[in-house]
Amino acid sequence: MDLIAIAETQNPNILSSDEEQIQAKAKIFKEYANGGFEILENQFSGVADISKQILLFVQSINKDFGSEDLDLLSFL
């Protein structure tokens, strides 16, 4: 969360522990999380078995990063 906030604001003062900075970090994190949910919603719209599709999606990402050893379909 701290790294995202620094990258977004380019301001190291965001790491301050005062309430205003904590709220700012939380807002930034929520915006990034909501953006991720929007991507997932677009990726899986109209899918009947969402669990399997999410696992297949994560597995495809793992292949992109060279992590092919993990069999995510075993979790179904």
Protein backbone atom coordinates (compact mmCIF):
# COMPACT_ATOMS: atom_id res chain seq x y z
CA MET A 1 0.00 0.00 0.00
CA ASP A 2 2.84 2.37 0.83
CA LEU A 3 4.63 1.70 -2.45
CA ILE A 4 1.48 2.32 -4.47
CA ALA A 5 0.87 5.58 -2.61
CA ILE A 6 4.43 6.81 -3.18
CA ALA A 7 4.31 5.85 -6.86
CA GLU A 8 0.97 7.60 -7.30
CA THR A 9 1.78 10.81 -5.43
CA GLN A 10 5.56 11.01 -5.95
CA ASN A 11 5.57 12.36 -2.39
CA PRO A 12 7.41 10.50 0.40
CA ASN A 13 5.41 12.47 2.98
CA ILE A 14 2.52 10.11 2.20
CA LEU A 15 4.27 7.66 4.54
CA SER A 16 3.54 9.92 7.50
CA SER A 17 1.41 8.30 10.18
CA ASP A 18 -0.94 11.25 10.63
CA GLU A 19 -4.62 10.62 9.95
CA GLU A 20 -4.75 12.71 6.77
CA GLN A 21 -1.96 10.71 5.12
CA ILE A 22 -3.44 7.39 6.25
CA GLN A 23 -6.77 8.36 4.68
CA ALA A 24 -5.01 9.46 1.48
CA LYS A 25 -3.19 6.10 1.24
CA ALA A 26 -6.44 4.22 1.81
CA LYS A 27 -8.18 6.23 -0.92
CA ILE A 28 -5.39 5.54 -3.41
CA PHE A 29 -5.41 1.83 -2.56
CA LYS A 30 -9.20 1.63 -2.97
CA GLU A 31 -8.94 3.28 -6.38
CA TYR A 32 -6.35 0.74 -7.51
CA ALA A 33 -8.40 -2.15 -6.10
CA ASN A 34 -11.56 -0.92 -7.83
CA GLY A 35 -9.62 -0.64 -11.09
CA GLY A 36 -8.55 -4.24 -10.69
CA PHE A 37 -12.13 -5.33 -10.05
CA GLU A 38 -13.21 -3.53 -13.21
CA ILE A 39 -10.57 -5.43 -15.20
CA LEU A 40 -11.76 -8.72 -13.70
CA GLU A 41 -15.39 -7.87 -14.39
CA ASN A 42 -14.58 -7.19 -18.05
CA GLN A 43 -12.49 -10.36 -18.28
CA PHE A 44 -15.20 -12.61 -16.85
CA SER A 45 -18.47 -11.06 -17.99
CA GLY A 46 -20.90 -13.72 -19.12
CA VAL A 47 -18.85 -16.60 -17.69
CA ALA A 48 -20.90 -19.39 -16.11
CA ASP A 49 -18.18 -20.97 -13.92
CA ILE A 50 -16.33 -17.96 -12.52
CA SER A 51 -14.10 -20.00 -10.18
CA LYS A 52 -12.60 -22.05 -12.97
CA GLN A 53 -12.16 -19.00 -15.19
CA ILE A 54 -10.34 -17.09 -12.44
CA LEU A 55 -7.98 -20.01 -11.89
CA LEU A 56 -7.30 -20.27 -15.62
CA PHE A 57 -6.70 -16.51 -15.76
CA VAL A 58 -4.24 -16.63 -12.86
CA GLN A 59 -2.55 -19.66 -14.42
CA SER A 60 -2.05 -17.73 -17.68
CA ILE A 61 -0.48 -14.88 -15.73
CA ASN A 62 1.82 -17.35 -13.95
CA LYS A 63 3.03 -18.62 -17.34
CA ASP A 64 3.83 -15.04 -18.36
CA PHE A 65 6.10 -14.77 -15.31
CA GLY A 66 7.64 -18.23 -15.66
CA SER A 67 5.78 -19.82 -12.73
CA GLU A 68 4.41 -22.84 -14.57
CA ASP A 69 4.98 -25.35 -11.73
CA LEU A 70 1.85 -24.42 -9.74
CA ASP A 71 -1.23 -26.39 -10.84
CA LEU A 72 -4.03 -24.02 -9.93
CA LEU A 73 -6.71 -26.29 -11.36
CA SER A 74 -6.04 -28.68 -8.49
CA PHE A 75 -7.89 -26.20 -6.28
CA LEU A 76 -11.21 -26.90 -8.06
